[in-house]
Full PDB file with SEQRES, HELIX, SHEET, SSBOND, CRYST1, ORIGX, SCALE, CONECT and MASTER records, all heavy atoms in Angstrom:
SEQRES   1 A   32  ILE SER ILE LEU GLY LEU GLY ILE GLY LEU GLY CYS VAL          
SEQRES   2 A   32  MET LEU LEU LEU MET LEU ALA ILE GLN GLU ASN SER PHE          
SEQRES   3 A   32  ASP ARG PHE ILE PRO ASN                                      
HELIX    1 AA1 SER A    2  GLU A   23  1                                  22    
CRYST1    1.000    1.000    1.000  90.00  90.00  90.00 P 1           1          
ORIGX1      1.000000  0.000000  0.000000        0.00000                         
ORIGX2      0.000000  1.000000  0.000000        0.00000                         
ORIGX3      0.000000  0.000000  1.000000        0.00000                         
SCALE1      1.000000  0.000000  0.000000        0.00000                         
SCALE2      0.000000  1.000000  0.000000        0.00000                         
SCALE3      0.000000  0.000000  1.000000        0.00000                         
ATOM      1  N   ILE A   1      -8.232  18.861 -12.224  1.00  0.00           N  
ATOM      2  CA  ILE A   1      -8.586  17.624 -12.922  1.00  0.00           C  
ATOM      3  C   ILE A   1      -7.424  16.640 -12.882  1.00  0.00           C  
ATOM      4  O   ILE A   1      -7.601  15.440 -12.630  1.00  0.00           O  
ATOM      5  CB  ILE A   1      -8.988  17.920 -14.375  1.00  0.00           C  
ATOM      6  CG1 ILE A   1     -10.286  18.746 -14.403  1.00  0.00           C  
ATOM      7  CG2 ILE A   1      -9.161  16.632 -15.166  1.00  0.00           C  
ATOM      8  CD1 ILE A   1     -10.678  19.227 -15.779  1.00  0.00           C  
ATOM      9  N   SER A   2      -6.211  17.135 -13.104  1.00  0.00           N  
ATOM     10  CA  SER A   2      -5.026  16.274 -13.096  1.00  0.00           C  
ATOM     11  C   SER A   2      -4.791  15.682 -11.712  1.00  0.00           C  
ATOM     12  O   SER A   2      -4.517  14.480 -11.576  1.00  0.00           O  
ATOM     13  CB  SER A   2      -3.794  17.068 -13.537  1.00  0.00           C  
ATOM     14  OG  SER A   2      -3.926  17.522 -14.861  1.00  0.00           O  
ATOM     15  N   ILE A   3      -4.919  16.519 -10.679  1.00  0.00           N  
ATOM     16  CA  ILE A   3      -4.661  16.051  -9.308  1.00  0.00           C  
ATOM     17  C   ILE A   3      -5.700  15.021  -8.881  1.00  0.00           C  
ATOM     18  O   ILE A   3      -5.357  13.982  -8.300  1.00  0.00           O  
ATOM     19  CB  ILE A   3      -4.643  17.249  -8.339  1.00  0.00           C  
ATOM     20  CG1 ILE A   3      -3.384  18.086  -8.556  1.00  0.00           C  
ATOM     21  CG2 ILE A   3      -4.715  16.771  -6.889  1.00  0.00           C  
ATOM     22  CD1 ILE A   3      -3.322  19.335  -7.690  1.00  0.00           C  
ATOM     23  N   LEU A   4      -6.970  15.287  -9.185  1.00  0.00           N  
ATOM     24  CA  LEU A   4      -8.021  14.341  -8.786  1.00  0.00           C  
ATOM     25  C   LEU A   4      -7.878  13.012  -9.539  1.00  0.00           C  
ATOM     26  O   LEU A   4      -7.969  11.934  -8.946  1.00  0.00           O  
ATOM     27  CB  LEU A   4      -9.395  14.945  -9.047  1.00  0.00           C  
ATOM     28  CG  LEU A   4      -9.849  16.041  -8.087  1.00  0.00           C  
ATOM     29  CD1 LEU A   4     -11.194  16.614  -8.506  1.00  0.00           C  
ATOM     30  CD2 LEU A   4      -9.932  15.509  -6.664  1.00  0.00           C  
ATOM     31  N   GLY A   5      -7.650  13.098 -10.839  1.00  0.00           N  
ATOM     32  CA  GLY A   5      -7.512  11.872 -11.629  1.00  0.00           C  
ATOM     33  C   GLY A   5      -6.332  11.042 -11.183  1.00  0.00           C  
ATOM     34  O   GLY A   5      -6.449   9.817 -10.987  1.00  0.00           O  
ATOM     35  N   LEU A   6      -5.185  11.686 -11.018  1.00  0.00           N  
ATOM     36  CA  LEU A   6      -3.991  10.975 -10.595  1.00  0.00           C  
ATOM     37  C   LEU A   6      -4.113  10.519  -9.147  1.00  0.00           C  
ATOM     38  O   LEU A   6      -3.699   9.406  -8.789  1.00  0.00           O  
ATOM     39  CB  LEU A   6      -2.761  11.886 -10.759  1.00  0.00           C  
ATOM     40  CG  LEU A   6      -1.390  11.250 -10.473  1.00  0.00           C  
ATOM     41  CD1 LEU A   6      -1.140  10.068 -11.383  1.00  0.00           C  
ATOM     42  CD2 LEU A   6      -0.288  12.293 -10.624  1.00  0.00           C  
ATOM     43  N   GLY A   7      -4.701  11.364  -8.297  1.00  0.00           N  
ATOM     44  CA  GLY A   7      -4.811  11.035  -6.873  1.00  0.00           C  
ATOM     45  C   GLY A   7      -5.682   9.829  -6.604  1.00  0.00           C  
ATOM     46  O   GLY A   7      -5.340   8.975  -5.780  1.00  0.00           O  
ATOM     47  N   ILE A   8      -6.802   9.718  -7.315  1.00  0.00           N  
ATOM     48  CA  ILE A   8      -7.689   8.555  -7.128  1.00  0.00           C  
ATOM     49  C   ILE A   8      -6.961   7.279  -7.535  1.00  0.00           C  
ATOM     50  O   ILE A   8      -7.013   6.253  -6.845  1.00  0.00           O  
ATOM     51  CB  ILE A   8      -8.985   8.731  -7.921  1.00  0.00           C  
ATOM     52  CG1 ILE A   8      -9.815   9.879  -7.330  1.00  0.00           C  
ATOM     53  CG2 ILE A   8      -9.802   7.446  -7.940  1.00  0.00           C  
ATOM     54  CD1 ILE A   8     -11.022  10.267  -8.148  1.00  0.00           C  
ATOM     55  N   GLY A   9      -6.248   7.346  -8.674  1.00  0.00           N  
ATOM     56  CA  GLY A   9      -5.491   6.176  -9.114  1.00  0.00           C  
ATOM     57  C   GLY A   9      -4.394   5.797  -8.152  1.00  0.00           C  
ATOM     58  O   GLY A   9      -4.241   4.626  -7.782  1.00  0.00           O  
ATOM     59  N   LEU A  10      -3.625   6.791  -7.686  1.00  0.00           N  
ATOM     60  CA  LEU A  10      -2.530   6.513  -6.746  1.00  0.00           C  
ATOM     61  C   LEU A  10      -3.067   6.038  -5.403  1.00  0.00           C  
ATOM     62  O   LEU A  10      -2.435   5.209  -4.737  1.00  0.00           O  
ATOM     63  CB  LEU A  10      -1.676   7.769  -6.561  1.00  0.00           C  
ATOM     64  CG  LEU A  10      -0.886   8.242  -7.788  1.00  0.00           C  
ATOM     65  CD1 LEU A  10      -0.013   9.428  -7.431  1.00  0.00           C  
ATOM     66  CD2 LEU A  10      -0.048   7.118  -8.367  1.00  0.00           C  
ATOM     67  N   GLY A  11      -4.236   6.543  -4.993  1.00  0.00           N  
ATOM     68  CA  GLY A  11      -4.832   6.083  -3.738  1.00  0.00           C  
ATOM     69  C   GLY A  11      -5.182   4.605  -3.800  1.00  0.00           C  
ATOM     70  O   GLY A  11      -4.929   3.844  -2.846  1.00  0.00           O  
ATOM     71  N   CYS A  12      -5.758   4.175  -4.929  1.00  0.00           N  
ATOM     72  CA  CYS A  12      -6.079   2.745  -5.096  1.00  0.00           C  
ATOM     73  C   CYS A  12      -4.810   1.906  -5.111  1.00  0.00           C  
ATOM     74  O   CYS A  12      -4.768   0.814  -4.521  1.00  0.00           O  
ATOM     75  CB  CYS A  12      -6.862   2.538  -6.393  1.00  0.00           C  
ATOM     76  SG  CYS A  12      -8.501   3.311  -6.406  1.00  0.00           S  
ATOM     77  N   VAL A  13      -3.777   2.409  -5.773  1.00  0.00           N  
ATOM     78  CA  VAL A  13      -2.502   1.684  -5.807  1.00  0.00           C  
ATOM     79  C   VAL A  13      -1.921   1.562  -4.405  1.00  0.00           C  
ATOM     80  O   VAL A  13      -1.447   0.485  -4.002  1.00  0.00           O  
ATOM     81  CB  VAL A  13      -1.503   2.398  -6.744  1.00  0.00           C  
ATOM     82  CG1 VAL A  13      -0.119   1.769  -6.634  1.00  0.00           C  
ATOM     83  CG2 VAL A  13      -1.985   2.330  -8.180  1.00  0.00           C  
ATOM     84  N   MET A  14      -1.959   2.657  -3.643  1.00  0.00           N  
ATOM     85  CA  MET A  14      -1.399   2.627  -2.283  1.00  0.00           C  
ATOM     86  C   MET A  14      -2.160   1.650  -1.397  1.00  0.00           C  
ATOM     87  O   MET A  14      -1.560   0.940  -0.585  1.00  0.00           O  
ATOM     88  CB  MET A  14      -1.446   4.026  -1.658  1.00  0.00           C  
ATOM     89  CG  MET A  14      -0.287   4.921  -2.054  1.00  0.00           C  
ATOM     90  SD  MET A  14       1.331   4.164  -1.699  1.00  0.00           S  
ATOM     91  CE  MET A  14       1.203   3.854   0.055  1.00  0.00           C  
ATOM     92  N   LEU A  15      -3.475   1.608  -1.534  1.00  0.00           N  
ATOM     93  CA  LEU A  15      -4.270   0.662  -0.741  1.00  0.00           C  
ATOM     94  C   LEU A  15      -3.821  -0.773  -0.994  1.00  0.00           C  
ATOM     95  O   LEU A  15      -3.598  -1.557  -0.062  1.00  0.00           O  
ATOM     96  CB  LEU A  15      -5.747   0.809  -1.087  1.00  0.00           C  
ATOM     97  CG  LEU A  15      -6.585   1.754  -0.226  1.00  0.00           C  
ATOM     98  CD1 LEU A  15      -7.992   1.854  -0.796  1.00  0.00           C  
ATOM     99  CD2 LEU A  15      -6.632   1.286   1.213  1.00  0.00           C  
ATOM    100  N   LEU A  16      -3.691  -1.119  -2.274  1.00  0.00           N  
ATOM    101  CA  LEU A  16      -3.299  -2.486  -2.626  1.00  0.00           C  
ATOM    102  C   LEU A  16      -1.869  -2.784  -2.200  1.00  0.00           C  
ATOM    103  O   LEU A  16      -1.569  -3.891  -1.736  1.00  0.00           O  
ATOM    104  CB  LEU A  16      -3.469  -2.699  -4.131  1.00  0.00           C  
ATOM    105  CG  LEU A  16      -4.919  -2.689  -4.629  1.00  0.00           C  
ATOM    106  CD1 LEU A  16      -4.970  -2.690  -6.152  1.00  0.00           C  
ATOM    107  CD2 LEU A  16      -5.681  -3.882  -4.079  1.00  0.00           C  
ATOM    108  N   LEU A  17      -0.978  -1.800  -2.330  1.00  0.00           N  
ATOM    109  CA  LEU A  17       0.402  -2.011  -1.899  1.00  0.00           C  
ATOM    110  C   LEU A  17       0.497  -2.134  -0.391  1.00  0.00           C  
ATOM    111  O   LEU A  17       1.279  -2.945   0.131  1.00  0.00           O  
ATOM    112  CB  LEU A  17       1.294  -0.874  -2.406  1.00  0.00           C  
ATOM    113  CG  LEU A  17       1.621  -0.881  -3.892  1.00  0.00           C  
ATOM    114  CD1 LEU A  17       2.528   0.286  -4.247  1.00  0.00           C  
ATOM    115  CD2 LEU A  17       2.271  -2.194  -4.309  1.00  0.00           C  
ATOM    116  N   MET A  18      -0.274  -1.332   0.345  1.00  0.00           N  
ATOM    117  CA  MET A  18      -0.283  -1.445   1.809  1.00  0.00           C  
ATOM    118  C   MET A  18      -0.755  -2.832   2.230  1.00  0.00           C  
ATOM    119  O   MET A  18      -0.189  -3.445   3.144  1.00  0.00           O  
ATOM    120  CB  MET A  18      -1.199  -0.373   2.410  1.00  0.00           C  
ATOM    121  CG  MET A  18      -0.626   1.029   2.380  1.00  0.00           C  
ATOM    122  SD  MET A  18      -1.861   2.307   2.806  1.00  0.00           S  
ATOM    123  CE  MET A  18      -2.353   1.767   4.458  1.00  0.00           C  
ATOM    124  N   LEU A  19      -1.781  -3.329   1.537  1.00  0.00           N  
ATOM    125  CA  LEU A  19      -2.287  -4.667   1.842  1.00  0.00           C  
ATOM    126  C   LEU A  19      -1.233  -5.725   1.536  1.00  0.00           C  
ATOM    127  O   LEU A  19      -1.017  -6.653   2.325  1.00  0.00           O  
ATOM    128  CB  LEU A  19      -3.561  -4.927   1.041  1.00  0.00           C  
ATOM    129  CG  LEU A  19      -4.293  -6.242   1.319  1.00  0.00           C  
ATOM    130  CD1 LEU A  19      -4.658  -6.365   2.790  1.00  0.00           C  
ATOM    131  CD2 LEU A  19      -5.533  -6.354   0.448  1.00  0.00           C  
ATOM    132  N   ALA A  20      -0.557  -5.578   0.396  1.00  0.00           N  
ATOM    133  CA  ALA A  20       0.484  -6.536   0.019  1.00  0.00           C  
ATOM    134  C   ALA A  20       1.650  -6.486   0.988  1.00  0.00           C  
ATOM    135  O   ALA A  20       2.203  -7.522   1.388  1.00  0.00           O  
ATOM    136  CB  ALA A  20       0.960  -6.256  -1.408  1.00  0.00           C  
ATOM    137  N   ILE A  21       2.057  -5.277   1.405  1.00  0.00           N  
ATOM    138  CA  ILE A  21       3.160  -5.128   2.356  1.00  0.00           C  
ATOM    139  C   ILE A  21       2.805  -5.752   3.692  1.00  0.00           C  
ATOM    140  O   ILE A  21       3.621  -6.458   4.306  1.00  0.00           O  
ATOM    141  CB  ILE A  21       3.524  -3.629   2.510  1.00  0.00           C  
ATOM    142  CG1 ILE A  21       4.175  -3.102   1.235  1.00  0.00           C  
ATOM    143  CG2 ILE A  21       4.458  -3.420   3.706  1.00  0.00           C  
ATOM    144  CD1 ILE A  21       4.346  -1.600   1.212  1.00  0.00           C  
ATOM    145  N   GLN A  22       1.578  -5.493   4.163  1.00  0.00           N  
ATOM    146  CA  GLN A  22       1.159  -6.079   5.434  1.00  0.00           C  
ATOM    147  C   GLN A  22       1.115  -7.599   5.342  1.00  0.00           C  
ATOM    148  O   GLN A  22       1.594  -8.295   6.246  1.00  0.00           O  
ATOM    149  CB  GLN A  22      -0.214  -5.547   5.827  1.00  0.00           C  
ATOM    150  CG  GLN A  22      -0.771  -6.196   7.086  1.00  0.00           C  
ATOM    151  CD  GLN A  22      -2.061  -5.562   7.568  1.00  0.00           C  
ATOM    152  OE1 GLN A  22      -2.086  -4.392   7.921  1.00  0.00           O  
ATOM    153  NE2 GLN A  22      -3.150  -6.309   7.583  1.00  0.00           N  
ATOM    154  N   GLU A  23       0.558  -8.132   4.259  1.00  0.00           N  
ATOM    155  CA  GLU A  23       0.447  -9.583   4.115  1.00  0.00           C  
ATOM    156  C   GLU A  23       1.825 -10.241   4.112  1.00  0.00           C  
ATOM    157  O   GLU A  23       1.983 -11.360   4.595  1.00  0.00           O  
ATOM    158  CB  GLU A  23      -0.293  -9.921   2.816  1.00  0.00           C  
ATOM    159  CG  GLU A  23      -1.771  -9.547   2.818  1.00  0.00           C  
ATOM    160  CD  GLU A  23      -2.591 -10.504   3.670  1.00  0.00           C  
ATOM    161  OE1 GLU A  23      -2.847 -11.623   3.238  1.00  0.00           O  
ATOM    162  OE2 GLU A  23      -2.973 -10.097   4.780  1.00  0.00           O  
ATOM    163  N   ASN A  24       2.806  -9.544   3.566  1.00  0.00           N  
ATOM    164  CA  ASN A  24       4.148 -10.120   3.439  1.00  0.00           C  
ATOM    165  C   ASN A  24       5.020  -9.856   4.664  1.00  0.00           C  
ATOM    166  O   ASN A  24       6.192 -10.251   4.681  1.00  0.00           O  
ATOM    167  CB  ASN A  24       4.839  -9.558   2.199  1.00  0.00           C  
ATOM    168  CG  ASN A  24       5.978 -10.424   1.717  1.00  0.00           C  
ATOM    169  OD1 ASN A  24       5.849 -11.642   1.618  1.00  0.00           O  
ATOM    170  ND2 ASN A  24       7.108  -9.803   1.436  1.00  0.00           N  
ATOM    171  N   SER A  25       4.480  -9.200   5.682  1.00  0.00           N  
ATOM    172  CA  SER A  25       5.296  -8.809   6.839  1.00  0.00           C  
ATOM    173  C   SER A  25       5.044  -9.663   8.083  1.00  0.00           C  
ATOM    174  O   SER A  25       5.677  -9.431   9.122  1.00  0.00           O  
ATOM    175  CB  SER A  25       5.010  -7.342   7.197  1.00  0.00           C  
ATOM    176  OG  SER A  25       3.693  -7.184   7.723  1.00  0.00           O  
ATOM    177  N   PHE A  26       4.160 -10.654   7.991  1.00  0.00           N  
ATOM    178  CA  PHE A  26       3.783 -11.396   9.197  1.00  0.00           C  
ATOM    179  C   PHE A  26       4.980 -12.100   9.829  1.00  0.00           C  
ATOM    180  O   PHE A  26       5.756 -12.787   9.154  1.00  0.00           O  
ATOM    181  CB  PHE A  26       2.677 -12.404   8.872  1.00  0.00           C  
ATOM    182  CG  PHE A  26       1.301 -11.825   8.982  1.00  0.00           C  
ATOM    183  CD1 PHE A  26       0.767 -11.091   7.941  1.00  0.00           C  
ATOM    184  CD2 PHE A  26       0.559 -11.973  10.139  1.00  0.00           C  
ATOM    185  CE1 PHE A  26      -0.498 -10.533   8.044  1.00  0.00           C  
ATOM    186  CE2 PHE A  26      -0.707 -11.428  10.260  1.00  0.00           C  
ATOM    187  CZ  PHE A  26      -1.235 -10.706   9.207  1.00  0.00           C  
ATOM    188  N   ASP A  27       5.101 -11.877  11.132  1.00  0.00           N  
ATOM    189  CA  ASP A  27       6.120 -12.479  12.002  1.00  0.00           C  
ATOM    190  C   ASP A  27       7.536 -12.007  11.709  1.00  0.00           C  
ATOM    191  O   ASP A  27       8.494 -12.502  12.321  1.00  0.00           O  
ATOM    192  CB  ASP A  27       6.066 -14.009  11.944  1.00  0.00           C  
ATOM    193  CG  ASP A  27       4.873 -14.585  12.697  1.00  0.00           C  
ATOM    194  OD1 ASP A  27       4.247 -13.832  13.470  1.00  0.00           O  
ATOM    195  OD2 ASP A  27       4.544 -15.762  12.507  1.00  0.00           O  
ATOM    196  N   ARG A  28       7.694 -11.029  10.833  1.00  0.00           N  
ATOM    197  CA  ARG A  28       9.029 -10.504  10.565  1.00  0.00           C  
ATOM    198  C   ARG A  28       9.438  -9.463  11.599  1.00  0.00           C  
ATOM    199  O   ARG A  28      10.570  -8.975  11.565  1.00  0.00           O  
ATOM    200  CB  ARG A  28       9.096  -9.925   9.153  1.00  0.00           C  
ATOM    201  CG  ARG A  28       8.875 -10.983   8.081  1.00  0.00           C  
ATOM    202  CD  ARG A  28       8.910 -10.407   6.679  1.00  0.00           C  
ATOM    203  NE  ARG A  28       8.522 -11.417   5.700  1.00  0.00           N  
ATOM    204  CZ  ARG A  28       9.354 -12.272   5.115  1.00  0.00           C  
ATOM    205  NH1 ARG A  28      10.641 -12.220   5.410  1.00  0.00           N  
ATOM    206  NH2 ARG A  28       8.912 -13.151   4.242  1.00  0.00           N  
ATOM    207  N   PHE A  29       8.531  -9.107  12.509  1.00  0.00           N  
ATOM    208  CA  PHE A  29       8.871  -8.207  13.612  1.00  0.00           C  
ATOM    209  C   PHE A  29       9.641  -8.937  14.707  1.00  0.00           C  
ATOM    210  O   PHE A  29      10.255  -8.298  15.578  1.00  0.00           O  
ATOM    211  CB  PHE A  29       7.586  -7.618  14.221  1.00  0.00           C  
ATOM    212  CG  PHE A  29       6.754  -8.636  14.944  1.00  0.00           C  
ATOM    213  CD1 PHE A  29       6.914  -8.850  16.307  1.00  0.00           C  
ATOM    214  CD2 PHE A  29       5.807  -9.392  14.265  1.00  0.00           C  
ATOM    215  CE1 PHE A  29       6.155  -9.802  16.978  1.00  0.00           C  
ATOM    216  CE2 PHE A  29       5.045 -10.335  14.917  1.00  0.00           C  
ATOM    217  CZ  PHE A  29       5.214 -10.554  16.271  1.00  0.00           C  
ATOM    218  N   ILE A  30       9.618 -10.272  14.699  1.00  0.00           N  
ATOM    219  CA  ILE A  30      10.281 -11.063  15.741  1.00  0.00           C  
ATOM    220  C   ILE A  30      11.781 -10.827  15.682  1.00  0.00           C  
ATOM    221  O   ILE A  30      12.380 -10.908  14.601  1.00  0.00           O  
ATOM    222  CB  ILE A  30       9.972 -12.563  15.552  1.00  0.00           C  
ATOM    223  CG1 ILE A  30       8.464 -12.812  15.702  1.00  0.00           C  
ATOM    224  CG2 ILE A  30      10.744 -13.417  16.551  1.00  0.00           C  
ATOM    225  CD1 ILE A  30       8.044 -14.235  15.386  1.00  0.00           C  
ATOM    226  N   PRO A  31      12.417 -10.526  16.809  1.00  0.00           N  
ATOM    227  CA  PRO A  31      13.876 -10.324  16.802  1.00  0.00           C  
ATOM    228  C   PRO A  31      14.581 -11.549  16.220  1.00  0.00           C  
ATOM    229  O   PRO A  31      14.313 -12.680  16.621  1.00  0.00           O  
ATOM    230  CB  PRO A  31      14.208 -10.131  18.293  1.00  0.00           C  
ATOM    231  CG  PRO A  31      12.932  -9.647  18.908  1.00  0.00           C  
ATOM    232  CD  PRO A  31      11.823 -10.332  18.152  1.00  0.00           C  
ATOM    233  N   ASN A  32      15.472 -11.290  15.272  1.00  0.00           N  
ATOM    234  CA  ASN A  32      16.214 -12.380  14.616  1.00  0.00           C  
ATOM    235  C   ASN A  32      15.261 -13.462  14.096  1.00  0.00           C  
ATOM    236  O   ASN A  32      15.457 -14.654  14.330  1.00  0.00           O  
ATOM    237  CB  ASN A  32      17.228 -12.995  15.588  1.00  0.00           C  
ATOM    238  CG  ASN A  32      18.242 -11.993  16.087  1.00  0.00           C  
ATOM    239  OD1 ASN A  32      18.816 -11.237  15.305  1.00  0.00           O  
ATOM    240  ND2 ASN A  32      18.455 -11.951  17.396  1.00  0.00           N  
TER     241      ASN A  32                                                      
MASTER        0    0    0    1    0    0    0    6  240    1    0    3          
END                                                                             
């Protein structure tokens, strides 16, 4: 119960953070 409850919450958090990280990373791969 603890793993499922915490895992679902952390999964939603990771999805939103991945989206935020990707949105904030545009064109930062360009050398210098």
